[in-house]
PDB file of N, CA and C in Angstrom:
ATOM      1  N   MET A   1      20.641  13.929   9.127  1.00  0.00           N
ATOM      2  CA  MET A   1      22.022  13.672   8.324  1.00  0.00           C
ATOM      3  C   MET A   1      21.934  12.491   7.658  1.00  0.00           C
ATOM      4  N   VAL A   2      22.421  12.513   6.559  1.00  0.00           N
ATOM      5  CA  VAL A   2      22.561  11.468   5.063  1.00  0.00           C
ATOM      6  C   VAL A   2      23.692  10.501   4.884  1.00  0.00           C
ATOM      7  N   THR A   3      24.112   9.246   5.551  1.00  0.00           N
ATOM      8  CA  THR A   3      25.195   8.867   4.935  1.00  0.00           C
ATOM      9  C   THR A   3      25.712   8.323   4.103  1.00  0.00           C
ATOM     10  N   ASP A   4      26.738   7.544   4.066  1.00  0.00           N
ATOM     11  CA  ASP A   4      27.541   7.820   2.272  1.00  0.00           C
ATOM     12  C   ASP A   4      26.619   6.456   1.729  1.00  0.00           C
ATOM     13  N   LYS A   5      26.166   5.455   2.750  1.00  0.00           N
ATOM     14  CA  LYS A   5      26.043   4.063   2.361  1.00  0.00           C
ATOM     15  C   LYS A   5      24.101   4.763   1.797  1.00  0.00           C
ATOM     16  N   VAL A   6      23.632   5.763   2.018  1.00  0.00           N
ATOM     17  CA  VAL A   6      22.191   5.688   1.551  1.00  0.00           C
ATOM     18  C   VAL A   6      21.940   6.673   0.495  1.00  0.00           C
ATOM     19  N   LEU A   7      23.469   7.192   0.568  1.00  0.00           N
ATOM     20  CA  LEU A   7      23.404   7.776  -0.822  1.00  0.00           C
ATOM     21  C   LEU A   7      23.942   6.769  -2.192  1.00  0.00           C
ATOM     22  N   ARG A   8      24.902   5.906  -1.687  1.00  0.00           N
ATOM     23  CA  ARG A   8      25.158   5.273  -2.647  1.00  0.00           C
ATOM     24  C   ARG A   8      24.198   4.203  -3.432  1.00  0.00           C
ATOM     25  N   ARG A   9      23.257   3.890  -2.223  1.00  0.00           N
ATOM     26  CA  ARG A   9      22.315   3.360  -2.468  1.00  0.00           C
ATOM     27  C   ARG A   9      20.864   3.898  -3.066  1.00  0.00           C
ATOM     28  N   ASN A  10      20.700   4.893  -2.950  1.00  0.00           N
ATOM     29  CA  ASN A  10      20.152   5.678  -3.960  1.00  0.00           C
ATOM     30  C   ASN A  10      20.964   5.985  -5.812  1.00  0.00           C
ATOM     31  N   LYS A  11      21.294   6.013  -5.587  1.00  0.00           N
ATOM     32  CA  LYS A  11      22.237   6.680  -6.954  1.00  0.00           C
ATOM     33  C   LYS A  11      21.790   5.062  -7.566  1.00  0.00           C
ATOM     34  N   ILE A  12      22.223   3.821  -7.159  1.00  0.00           N
ATOM     35  CA  ILE A  12      22.241   2.581  -7.828  1.00  0.00           C
ATOM     36  C   ILE A  12      20.847   2.351  -7.668  1.00  0.00           C
ATOM     37  N   LYS A  13      19.542   2.755  -7.057  1.00  0.00           N
ATOM     38  CA  LYS A  13      17.825   2.586  -7.627  1.00  0.00           C
ATOM     39  C   LYS A  13      17.982   3.603  -8.715  1.00  0.00           C
ATOM     40  N   LYS A  14      18.413   4.726  -9.225  1.00  0.00           N
ATOM     41  CA  LYS A  14      18.112   5.668  -9.946  1.00  0.00           C
ATOM     42  C   LYS A  14      18.286   5.147 -11.220  1.00  0.00           C
ATOM     43  N   ARG A  15      19.880   4.044 -10.950  1.00  0.00           N
ATOM     44  CA  ARG A  15      20.490   3.566 -12.210  1.00  0.00           C
ATOM     45  C   ARG A  15      19.372   2.503 -12.424  1.00  0.00           C
ATOM     46  N   ILE A  16      18.574   1.901 -11.706  1.00  0.00           N
ATOM     47  CA  ILE A  16      17.995   0.328 -11.774  1.00  0.00           C
ATOM     48  C   ILE A  16      16.279   0.986 -12.444  1.00  0.00           C
ATOM     49  N   ARG A  17      16.145   2.076 -11.860  1.00  0.00           N
ATOM     50  CA  ARG A  17      14.725   2.640 -11.881  1.00  0.00           C
ATOM     51  C   ARG A  17      14.798   3.142 -13.495  1.00  0.00           C
ATOM     52  N   ALA A  18      15.937   3.530 -14.005  1.00  0.00           N
ATOM     53  CA  ALA A  18      16.217   3.938 -15.315  1.00  0.00           C
ATOM     54  C   ALA A  18      15.954   2.846 -16.377  1.00  0.00           C
ATOM     55  N   LYS A  19      16.089   1.652 -16.200  1.00  0.00           N
ATOM     56  CA  LYS A  19      16.045   0.511 -17.054  1.00  0.00           C
ATOM     57  C   LYS A  19      14.219  -0.163 -17.123  1.00  0.00           C
ATOM     58  N   ILE A  20      14.015  -0.489 -15.539  1.00  0.00           N
ATOM     59  CA  ILE A  20      12.863  -1.153 -15.135  1.00  0.00           C
ATOM     60  C   ILE A  20      11.725  -0.220 -15.201  1.00  0.00           C
ATOM     61  N   ASN A  21      10.631  -0.338 -15.813  1.00  0.00           N
ATOM     62  CA  ASN A  21       8.743  -0.243 -15.561  1.00  0.00           C
ATOM     63  C   ASN A  21       8.319  -1.170 -15.330  1.00  0.00           C
ATOM     64  N   GLY A  22       7.271  -0.976 -14.241  1.00  0.00           N
ATOM     65  CA  GLY A  22       5.981  -2.065 -14.340  1.00  0.00           C
ATOM     66  C   GLY A  22       4.814  -1.467 -14.831  1.00  0.00           C
ATOM     67  N   THR A  23       4.268  -2.589 -14.990  1.00  0.00           N
ATOM     68  CA  THR A  23       3.165  -2.030 -16.367  1.00  0.00           C
ATOM     69  C   THR A  23       1.764  -3.254 -15.389  1.00  0.00           C
ATOM     70  N   ALA A  24       0.571  -2.586 -15.700  1.00  0.00           N
ATOM     71  CA  ALA A  24      -0.377  -4.029 -14.860  1.00  0.00           C
ATOM     72  C   ALA A  24      -0.926  -5.326 -15.674  1.00  0.00           C
ATOM     73  N   VAL A  25       0.586  -5.754 -16.347  1.00  0.00           N
ATOM     74  CA  VAL A  25       0.485  -7.107 -16.931  1.00  0.00           C
ATOM     75  C   VAL A  25       1.501  -7.684 -16.850  1.00  0.00           C
ATOM     76  N   LEU A  26       2.761  -6.700 -16.140  1.00  0.00           N
ATOM     77  CA  LEU A  26       4.155  -7.320 -15.649  1.00  0.00           C
ATOM     78  C   LEU A  26       4.390  -5.649 -14.541  1.00  0.00           C
ATOM     79  N   PRO A  27       4.528  -5.922 -13.719  1.00  0.00           N
ATOM     80  CA  PRO A  27       4.183  -4.868 -12.216  1.00  0.00           C
ATOM     81  C   PRO A  27       5.732  -5.077 -11.945  1.00  0.00           C
ATOM     82  N   ARG A  28       6.038  -4.511 -10.965  1.00  0.00           N
ATOM     83  CA  ARG A  28       7.374  -3.800 -10.707  1.00  0.00           C
ATOM     84  C   ARG A  28       7.079  -4.366  -9.201  1.00  0.00           C
ATOM     85  N   LEU A  29       8.131  -5.778  -9.015  1.00  0.00           N
ATOM     86  CA  LEU A  29       8.054  -6.583  -7.246  1.00  0.00           C
ATOM     87  C   LEU A  29       9.117  -5.212  -6.887  1.00  0.00           C
ATOM     88  N   SER A  30       8.810  -4.531  -5.989  1.00  0.00           N
ATOM     89  CA  SER A  30       8.996  -3.135  -5.547  1.00  0.00           C
ATOM     90  C   SER A  30       9.774  -3.376  -3.498  1.00  0.00           C
ATOM     91  N   ILE A  31      10.976  -3.899  -3.170  1.00  0.00           N
ATOM     92  CA  ILE A  31      11.171  -4.325  -1.713  1.00  0.00           C
ATOM     93  C   ILE A  31      11.771  -3.030  -1.118  1.00  0.00           C
ATOM     94  N   TYR A  32      11.145  -3.226   0.257  1.00  0.00           N
ATOM     95  CA  TYR A  32      12.411  -1.424   1.124  1.00  0.00           C
ATOM     96  C   TYR A  32      12.361  -2.717   1.963  1.00  0.00           C
ATOM     97  N   ARG A  33      13.597  -2.338   2.702  1.00  0.00           N
ATOM     98  CA  ARG A  33      13.867  -3.393   3.930  1.00  0.00           C
ATOM     99  C   ARG A  33      14.318  -2.355   4.964  1.00  0.00           C
ATOM    100  N   SER A  34      13.958  -2.479   6.452  1.00  0.00           N
ATOM    101  CA  SER A  34      14.505  -1.394   7.466  1.00  0.00           C
ATOM    102  C   SER A  34      15.159  -2.392   8.452  1.00  0.00           C
ATOM    103  N   ASN A  35      15.693  -1.841   9.423  1.00  0.00           N
ATOM    104  CA  ASN A  35      15.985  -3.343  10.800  1.00  0.00           C
ATOM    105  C   ASN A  35      15.125  -3.499  11.096  1.00  0.00           C
ATOM    106  N   LYS A  36      14.123  -3.287  10.955  1.00  0.00           N
ATOM    107  CA  LYS A  36      12.564  -3.653  11.997  1.00  0.00           C
ATOM    108  C   LYS A  36      11.400  -4.400  10.913  1.00  0.00           C
ATOM    109  N   ALA A  37      11.167  -4.200   9.290  1.00  0.00           N
ATOM    110  CA  ALA A  37      10.943  -4.877   9.011  1.00  0.00           C
ATOM    111  C   ALA A  37      11.294  -4.690   7.441  1.00  0.00           C
ATOM    112  N   VAL A  38      10.436  -5.955   6.529  1.00  0.00           N
ATOM    113  CA  VAL A  38      10.914  -6.161   5.141  1.00  0.00           C
ATOM    114  C   VAL A  38       9.219  -5.794   4.567  1.00  0.00           C
ATOM    115  N   TYR A  39       9.073  -4.687   3.221  1.00  0.00           N
ATOM    116  CA  TYR A  39       7.988  -4.188   3.175  1.00  0.00           C
ATOM    117  C   TYR A  39       8.297  -4.415   1.563  1.00  0.00           C
ATOM    118  N   VAL A  40       7.467  -5.413   0.571  1.00  0.00           N
ATOM    119  CA  VAL A  40       7.064  -5.517  -0.810  1.00  0.00           C
ATOM    120  C   VAL A  40       5.857  -4.884  -1.455  1.00  0.00           C
ATOM    121  N   GLN A  41       6.059  -4.609  -2.671  1.00  0.00           N
ATOM    122  CA  GLN A  41       4.831  -3.895  -3.191  1.00  0.00           C
ATOM    123  C   GLN A  41       4.627  -4.749  -4.389  1.00  0.00           C
ATOM    124  N   LEU A  42       3.751  -4.918  -5.606  1.00  0.00           N
ATOM    125  CA  LEU A  42       3.927  -5.096  -6.849  1.00  0.00           C
ATOM    126  C   LEU A  42       3.286  -3.240  -7.346  1.00  0.00           C
ATOM    127  N   ILE A  43       4.343  -2.823  -8.109  1.00  0.00           N
ATOM    128  CA  ILE A  43       3.128  -1.455  -8.476  1.00  0.00           C
ATOM    129  C   ILE A  43       2.887  -1.243 -10.045  1.00  0.00           C
ATOM    130  N   ASP A  44       2.363  -0.441 -10.395  1.00  0.00           N
ATOM    131  CA  ASP A  44       1.545  -0.327 -11.652  1.00  0.00           C
ATOM    132  C   ASP A  44       2.374   0.914 -11.935  1.00  0.00           C
ATOM    133  N   ASP A  45       3.525   1.111 -12.797  1.00  0.00           N
ATOM    134  CA  ASP A  45       4.052   2.466 -12.769  1.00  0.00           C
ATOM    135  C   ASP A  45       3.251   3.400 -13.654  1.00  0.00           C
ATOM    136  N   ASN A  46       2.209   2.868 -14.580  1.00  0.00           N
ATOM    137  CA  ASN A  46       2.072   3.559 -15.521  1.00  0.00           C
ATOM    138  C   ASN A  46       0.527   3.897 -15.054  1.00  0.00           C
ATOM    139  N   LYS A  47      -0.208   4.025 -13.975  1.00  0.00           N
ATOM    140  CA  LYS A  47      -1.002   4.387 -13.382  1.00  0.00           C
ATOM    141  C   LYS A  47      -0.403   4.983 -12.047  1.00  0.00           C
ATOM    142  N   GLY A  48       0.565   4.291 -11.574  1.00  0.00           N
ATOM    143  CA  GLY A  48       0.696   5.088 -10.555  1.00  0.00           C
ATOM    144  C   GLY A  48      -0.271   4.040  -9.252  1.00  0.00           C
ATOM    145  N   HIS A  49      -0.329   2.909  -9.414  1.00  0.00           N
ATOM    146  CA  HIS A  49      -1.363   2.358  -8.388  1.00  0.00           C
ATOM    147  C   HIS A  49      -0.163   1.067  -7.839  1.00  0.00           C
ATOM    148  N   THR A  50      -0.377   0.781  -6.720  1.00  0.00           N
ATOM    149  CA  THR A  50      -0.210  -0.758  -5.953  1.00  0.00           C
ATOM    150  C   THR A  50      -1.138  -1.596  -5.719  1.00  0.00           C
ATOM    151  N   LEU A  51      -0.433  -2.916  -6.747  1.00  0.00           N
ATOM    152  CA  LEU A  51      -1.995  -3.880  -6.978  1.00  0.00           C
ATOM    153  C   LEU A  51      -1.549  -4.873  -5.671  1.00  0.00           C
ATOM    154  N   ALA A  52      -0.727  -4.979  -5.170  1.00  0.00           N
ATOM    155  CA  ALA A  52      -0.602  -5.994  -4.122  1.00  0.00           C
ATOM    156  C   ALA A  52       0.481  -5.447  -3.389  1.00  0.00           C
ATOM    157  N   SER A  53       0.555  -5.585  -1.693  1.00  0.00           N
ATOM    158  CA  SER A  53       1.290  -5.810  -1.067  1.00  0.00           C
ATOM    159  C   SER A  53       1.266  -6.980   0.168  1.00  0.00           C
ATOM    160  N   ALA A  54       2.785  -6.717   0.715  1.00  0.00           N
ATOM    161  CA  ALA A  54       2.860  -7.256   1.738  1.00  0.00           C
ATOM    162  C   ALA A  54       4.233  -6.598   2.825  1.00  0.00           C
ATOM    163  N   SER A  55       4.236  -7.280   3.842  1.00  0.00           N
ATOM    164  CA  SER A  55       5.172  -6.802   5.069  1.00  0.00           C
ATOM    165  C   SER A  55       5.509  -7.405   6.003  1.00  0.00           C
ATOM    166  N   SER A  56       6.299  -7.937   6.674  1.00  0.00           N
ATOM    167  CA  SER A  56       6.944  -8.876   7.928  1.00  0.00           C
ATOM    168  C   SER A  56       6.102  -8.522   8.910  1.00  0.00           C
ATOM    169  N   LEU A  57       5.441  -7.638   9.099  1.00  0.00           N
ATOM    170  CA  LEU A  57       4.337  -7.035  10.262  1.00  0.00           C
ATOM    171  C   LEU A  57       3.048  -7.819  10.440  1.00  0.00           C
ATOM    172  N   GLU A  58       2.586  -8.133   9.368  1.00  0.00           N
ATOM    173  CA  GLU A  58       1.531  -9.703   8.804  1.00  0.00           C
ATOM    174  C   GLU A  58       1.815 -10.777   9.832  1.00  0.00           C
ATOM    175  N   ILE A  59       3.069 -10.907   9.243  1.00  0.00           N
ATOM    176  CA  ILE A  59       3.486 -12.334   9.348  1.00  0.00           C
ATOM    177  C   ILE A  59       3.880 -12.524  10.711  1.00  0.00           C
ATOM    178  N   SER A  60       4.836 -11.380  11.391  1.00  0.00           N
ATOM    179  CA  SER A  60       5.551 -11.459  12.664  1.00  0.00           C
ATOM    180  C   SER A  60       5.379 -10.598  13.716  1.00  0.00           C
ATOM    181  N   LYS A  61       5.272  -9.953  14.627  1.00  0.00           N
ATOM    182  CA  LYS A  61       5.038  -9.526  15.576  1.00  0.00           C
ATOM    183  C   LYS A  61       6.714  -9.108  15.963  1.00  0.00           C
ATOM    184  N   GLU A  62       7.483  -9.627  15.971  1.00  0.00           N
ATOM    185  CA  GLU A  62       8.688  -9.319  16.068  1.00  0.00           C
ATOM    186  C   GLU A  62       9.317  -8.386  15.593  1.00  0.00           C
ATOM    187  N   LYS A  63      10.604  -7.912  16.847  1.00  0.00           N
ATOM    188  CA  LYS A  63      11.093  -6.705  16.472  1.00  0.00           C
ATOM    189  C   LYS A  63      12.329  -6.049  15.553  1.00  0.00           C
ATOM    190  N   SER A  64      12.733  -7.777  14.746  1.00  0.00           N
ATOM    191  CA  SER A  64      13.649  -7.966  13.642  1.00  0.00           C
ATOM    192  C   SER A  64      12.801  -8.685  12.734  1.00  0.00           C
ATOM    193  N   VAL A  65      13.575  -9.076  11.217  1.00  0.00           N
ATOM    194  CA  VAL A  65      13.272  -9.711  10.441  1.00  0.00           C
ATOM    195  C   VAL A  65      14.785 -10.407  10.398  1.00  0.00           C
ATOM    196  N   ASN A  66      14.677 -11.732  10.518  1.00  0.00           N
ATOM    197  CA  ASN A  66      15.422 -12.365   9.466  1.00  0.00           C
ATOM    198  C   ASN A  66      14.909 -13.298   8.169  1.00  0.00           C
ATOM    199  N   MET A  67      15.981 -14.188   7.909  1.00  0.00           N
ATOM    200  CA  MET A  67      15.594 -14.627   6.679  1.00  0.00           C
ATOM    201  C   MET A  67      14.396 -15.711   6.324  1.00  0.00           C
ATOM    202  N   SER A  68      13.750 -15.727   7.491  1.00  0.00           N
ATOM    203  CA  SER A  68      12.921 -17.287   7.237  1.00  0.00           C
ATOM    204  C   SER A  68      11.515 -16.388   7.088  1.00  0.00           C
ATOM    205  N   ILE A  69      11.652 -14.707   7.868  1.00  0.00           N
ATOM    206  CA  ILE A  69      10.316 -13.985   7.842  1.00  0.00           C
ATOM    207  C   ILE A  69      10.233 -13.253   6.509  1.00  0.00           C
ATOM    208  N   ALA A  70      11.392 -13.175   6.116  1.00  0.00           N
ATOM    209  CA  ALA A  70      11.256 -12.504   4.380  1.00  0.00           C
ATOM    210  C   ALA A  70      11.030 -13.464   3.924  1.00  0.00           C
ATOM    211  N   LYS A  71      11.108 -14.863   4.279  1.00  0.00           N
ATOM    212  CA  LYS A  71      10.674 -15.671   2.971  1.00  0.00           C
ATOM    213  C   LYS A  71       9.640 -15.692   2.808  1.00  0.00           C
ATOM    214  N   GLU A  72       8.630 -16.180   4.286  1.00  0.00           N
ATOM    215  CA  GLU A  72       7.437 -15.795   4.516  1.00  0.00           C
ATOM    216  C   GLU A  72       6.451 -14.991   3.356  1.00  0.00           C
ATOM    217  N   VAL A  73       7.330 -13.144   3.651  1.00  0.00           N
ATOM    218  CA  VAL A  73       6.796 -12.492   3.252  1.00  0.00           C
ATOM    219  C   VAL A  73       6.660 -12.432   1.723  1.00  0.00           C
ATOM    220  N   GLY A  74       7.288 -13.112   1.302  1.00  0.00           N
ATOM    221  CA  GLY A  74       7.819 -13.019  -0.273  1.00  0.00           C
ATOM    222  C   GLY A  74       6.462 -13.897  -1.103  1.00  0.00           C
ATOM    223  N   LYS A  75       6.258 -14.885  -0.255  1.00  0.00           N
ATOM    224  CA  LYS A  75       5.112 -16.389   0.049  1.00  0.00           C
ATOM    225  C   LYS A  75       3.514 -15.755  -0.015  1.00  0.00           C
ATOM    226  N   LYS A  76       3.612 -14.778   0.982  1.00  0.00           N
ATOM    227  CA  LYS A  76       2.353 -14.229   1.177  1.00  0.00           C
ATOM    228  C   LYS A  76       2.240 -12.772  -0.066  1.00  0.00           C
ATOM    229  N   LEU A  77       3.476 -12.060  -0.752  1.00  0.00           N
ATOM    230  CA  LEU A  77       3.291 -11.765  -1.541  1.00  0.00           C
ATOM    231  C   LEU A  77       2.640 -12.440  -3.122  1.00  0.00           C
ATOM    232  N   ALA A  78       3.063 -13.143  -3.183  1.00  0.00           N
ATOM    233  CA  ALA A  78       2.910 -14.500  -3.974  1.00  0.00           C
ATOM    234  C   ALA A  78       1.349 -14.586  -4.325  1.00  0.00           C
ATOM    235  N   GLU A  79       1.107 -15.150  -2.939  1.00  0.00           N
ATOM    236  CA  GLU A  79      -0.471 -15.625  -2.834  1.00  0.00           C
ATOM    237  C   GLU A  79      -1.422 -14.308  -3.323  1.00  0.00           C
ATOM    238  N   LYS A  80      -1.123 -13.340  -2.764  1.00  0.00           N
ATOM    239  CA  LYS A  80      -1.637 -12.210  -3.177  1.00  0.00           C
ATOM    240  C   LYS A  80      -1.899 -11.477  -4.655  1.00  0.00           C
ATOM    241  N   ALA A  81      -0.641 -11.908  -5.152  1.00  0.00           N
ATOM    242  CA  ALA A  81      -0.297 -11.624  -6.789  1.00  0.00           C
ATOM    243  C   ALA A  81      -0.927 -12.165  -7.627  1.00  0.00           C
ATOM    244  N   LEU A  82      -1.152 -13.653  -7.080  1.00  0.00           N
ATOM    245  CA  LEU A  82      -1.776 -14.882  -7.522  1.00  0.00           C
ATOM    246  C   LEU A  82      -3.480 -14.839  -7.817  1.00  0.00           C
ATOM    247  N   GLN A  83      -3.925 -14.207  -6.668  1.00  0.00           N
ATOM    248  CA  GLN A  83      -5.459 -14.320  -6.515  1.00  0.00           C
ATOM    249  C   GLN A  83      -5.655 -13.098  -7.280  1.00  0.00           C
ATOM    250  N   ASN A  84      -5.147 -11.809  -7.841  1.00  0.00           N
ATOM    251  CA  ASN A  84      -4.926 -10.526  -8.425  1.00  0.00           C
ATOM    252  C   ASN A  84      -4.822 -11.023  -9.960  1.00  0.00           C
ATOM    253  N   GLY A  85      -4.392 -12.487 -10.319  1.00  0.00           N
ATOM    254  CA  GLY A  85      -4.369 -13.079 -11.979  1.00  0.00           C
ATOM    255  C   GLY A  85      -3.037 -12.792 -12.512  1.00  0.00           C
ATOM    256  N   ILE A  86      -2.185 -11.899 -11.558  1.00  0.00           N
ATOM    257  CA  ILE A  86      -0.699 -11.477 -11.417  1.00  0.00           C
ATOM    258  C   ILE A  86       0.475 -12.758 -11.446  1.00  0.00           C
ATOM    259  N   ASP A  87       1.153 -13.254 -12.760  1.00  0.00           N
ATOM    260  CA  ASP A  87       1.833 -14.341 -11.962  1.00  0.00           C
ATOM    261  C   ASP A  87       3.463 -13.888 -13.045  1.00  0.00           C
ATOM    262  N   ARG A  88       3.638 -13.405 -13.601  1.00  0.00           N
ATOM    263  CA  ARG A  88       4.936 -12.127 -13.760  1.00  0.00           C
ATOM    264  C   ARG A  88       4.811 -10.950 -13.930  1.00  0.00           C
ATOM    265  N   VAL A  89       6.205 -10.918 -12.590  1.00  0.00           N
ATOM    266  CA  VAL A  89       7.134  -9.419 -12.517  1.00  0.00           C
ATOM    267  C   VAL A  89       8.012  -9.549 -12.759  1.00  0.00           C
ATOM    268  N   VAL A  90       8.726  -7.984 -12.393  1.00  0.00           N
ATOM    269  CA  VAL A  90       9.723  -7.266 -12.788  1.00  0.00           C
ATOM    270  C   VAL A  90      10.290  -7.293 -11.198  1.00  0.00           C
ATOM    271  N   PHE A  91      11.705  -7.856 -11.524  1.00  0.00           N
ATOM    272  CA  PHE A  91      11.769  -7.514  -9.706  1.00  0.00           C
ATOM    273  C   PHE A  91      12.735  -6.070  -9.311  1.00  0.00           C
ATOM    274  N   ASP A  92      12.584  -5.511  -8.559  1.00  0.00           N
ATOM    275  CA  ASP A  92      13.274  -4.279  -8.288  1.00  0.00           C
ATOM    276  C   ASP A  92      14.112  -4.504  -6.772  1.00  0.00           C
ATOM    277  N   ARG A  93      15.287  -4.181  -6.428  1.00  0.00           N
ATOM    278  CA  ARG A  93      15.775  -4.393  -5.344  1.00  0.00           C
ATOM    279  C   ARG A  93      15.985  -3.418  -4.743  1.00  0.00           C
ATOM    280  N   ASN A  94      15.632  -2.486  -5.574  1.00  0.00           N
ATOM    281  CA  ASN A  94      15.348  -1.137  -5.015  1.00  0.00           C
ATOM    282  C   ASN A  94      17.207  -0.783  -4.148  1.00  0.00           C
ATOM    283  N   GLY A  95      18.012  -0.816  -5.074  1.00  0.00           N
ATOM    284  CA  GLY A  95      19.195  -0.527  -4.302  1.00  0.00           C
ATOM    285  C   GLY A  95      19.926  -1.787  -3.382  1.00  0.00           C
ATOM    286  N   TYR A  96      19.095  -2.125  -2.520  1.00  0.00           N
ATOM    287  CA  TYR A  96      19.773  -2.727  -2.235  1.00  0.00           C
ATOM    288  C   TYR A  96      20.908  -4.502  -2.432  1.00  0.00           C
ATOM    289  N   LEU A  97      21.374  -4.809  -1.940  1.00  0.00           N
ATOM    290  CA  LEU A  97      22.616  -5.986  -2.758  1.00  0.00           C
ATOM    291  C   LEU A  97      21.578  -7.226  -2.641  1.00  0.00           C
ATOM    292  N   TYR A  98      22.041  -7.760  -3.640  1.00  0.00           N
ATOM    293  CA  TYR A  98      20.523  -8.815  -3.922  1.00  0.00           C
ATOM    294  C   TYR A  98      21.535  -9.816  -2.526  1.00  0.00           C
ATOM    295  N   HIS A  99      21.160 -10.340  -1.304  1.00  0.00           N
ATOM    296  CA  HIS A  99      21.784 -11.262  -0.788  1.00  0.00           C
ATOM    297  C   HIS A  99      20.966 -11.140   0.280  1.00  0.00           C
ATOM    298  N   GLY A 100      20.468 -11.786   1.320  1.00  0.00           N
ATOM    299  CA  GLY A 100      20.289 -11.656   2.133  1.00  0.00           C
ATOM    300  C   GLY A 100      19.064 -12.073   2.373  1.00  0.00           C
ATOM    301  N   ARG A 101      18.230 -10.834   3.220  1.00  0.00           N
ATOM    302  CA  ARG A 101      17.056 -10.977   3.383  1.00  0.00           C
ATOM    303  C   ARG A 101      16.207 -10.291   2.165  1.00  0.00           C
ATOM    304  N   VAL A 102      16.870  -9.569   1.016  1.00  0.00           N
ATOM    305  CA  VAL A 102      16.263  -9.615  -0.395  1.00  0.00           C
ATOM    306  C   VAL A 102      16.663 -10.943  -1.141  1.00  0.00           C
ATOM    307  N   LYS A 103      17.221 -11.637  -1.277  1.00  0.00           N
ATOM    308  CA  LYS A 103      17.235 -12.658  -1.812  1.00  0.00           C
ATOM    309  C   LYS A 103      16.467 -13.519  -1.136  1.00  0.00           C
ATOM    310  N   ALA A 104      16.121 -13.944   0.165  1.00  0.00           N
ATOM    311  CA  ALA A 104      15.228 -14.671   0.807  1.00  0.00           C
ATOM    312  C   ALA A 104      13.894 -14.518   0.175  1.00  0.00           C
ATOM    313  N   LEU A 105      13.248 -13.440   0.266  1.00  0.00           N
ATOM    314  CA  LEU A 105      12.399 -12.457  -0.258  1.00  0.00           C
ATOM    315  C   LEU A 105      11.962 -12.951  -1.786  1.00  0.00           C
ATOM    316  N   ALA A 106      12.742 -13.276  -2.860  1.00  0.00           N
ATOM    317  CA  ALA A 106      12.689 -13.205  -3.963  1.00  0.00           C
ATOM    318  C   ALA A 106      12.920 -14.484  -3.981  1.00  0.00           C
ATOM    319  N   GLU A 107      13.287 -15.339  -3.377  1.00  0.00           N
ATOM    320  CA  GLU A 107      13.447 -17.280  -3.218  1.00  0.00           C
ATOM    321  C   GLU A 107      11.796 -17.576  -2.870  1.00  0.00           C
ATOM    322  N   GLY A 108      11.259 -16.528  -1.832  1.00  0.00           N
ATOM    323  CA  GLY A 108       9.966 -17.265  -1.491  1.00  0.00           C
ATOM    324  C   GLY A 108       9.147 -16.629  -2.582  1.00  0.00           C
ATOM    325  N   ALA A 109       9.163 -15.314  -3.492  1.00  0.00           N
ATOM    326  CA  ALA A 109       8.256 -15.184  -4.444  1.00  0.00           C
ATOM    327  C   ALA A 109       8.416 -16.381  -5.225  1.00  0.00           C
ATOM    328  N   ARG A 110       9.018 -16.735  -5.760  1.00  0.00           N
ATOM    329  CA  ARG A 110       9.116 -17.709  -6.713  1.00  0.00           C
ATOM    330  C   ARG A 110       9.197 -18.843  -5.968  1.00  0.00           C
ATOM    331  N   GLU A 111       8.937 -19.243  -5.071  1.00  0.00           N
ATOM    332  CA  GLU A 111       8.289 -20.544  -4.741  1.00  0.00           C
ATOM    333  C   GLU A 111       6.703 -19.971  -4.237  1.00  0.00           C
ATOM    334  N   GLY A 112       6.686 -19.255  -4.241  1.00  0.00           N
ATOM    335  CA  GLY A 112       4.534 -18.912  -4.676  1.00  0.00           C
ATOM    336  C   GLY A 112       4.367 -19.171  -5.749  1.00  0.00           C
ATOM    337  N   GLY A 113       5.135 -18.579  -6.489  1.00  0.00           N
ATOM    338  CA  GLY A 113       4.745 -18.740  -8.113  1.00  0.00           C
ATOM    339  C   GLY A 113       5.099 -17.950  -9.084  1.00  0.00           C
ATOM    340  N   LEU A 114       5.925 -16.927  -8.101  1.00  0.00           N
ATOM    341  CA  LEU A 114       5.871 -15.740  -9.588  1.00  0.00           C
ATOM    342  C   LEU A 114       6.709 -15.894 -10.212  1.00  0.00           C
ATOM    343  N   LYS A 115       7.044 -15.687 -11.267  1.00  0.00           N
ATOM    344  CA  LYS A 115       7.945 -15.510 -12.146  1.00  0.00           C
ATOM    345  C   LYS A 115       8.660 -14.597 -12.235  1.00  0.00           C
ATOM    346  N   PHE A 116      10.102 -14.521 -12.112  1.00  0.00           N
ATOM    347  CA  PHE A 116      11.014 -13.195 -13.175  1.00  0.00           C
ATOM    348  C   PHE A 116      12.365 -13.835 -12.615  1.00  0.00           C
TER     349      PHE A 116
END
């Protein structure tokens, strides 16, 4: 059963994805958050490849994610991206509101050296 909240997020997600696209030079930073974890990827949409990824499961073995862990995930992704020679990205919040864990992750990625 799909809730109204999920339908709303998917509608917003489609609007966002119609406007942004990731390339090898300027990949898309895509976020997925669940109740237990936060996942983030750098995606080249032209080839359909993931260039780098990070998740809260790499950082902490806790059953839930708070804002400090989300910030660490952003820093970890920025570290991996810089190793691959990527310093600029297009931010895709994936239909989620830009606050809480999503905002913390974005701030962590910026602190790590990514520009968006």
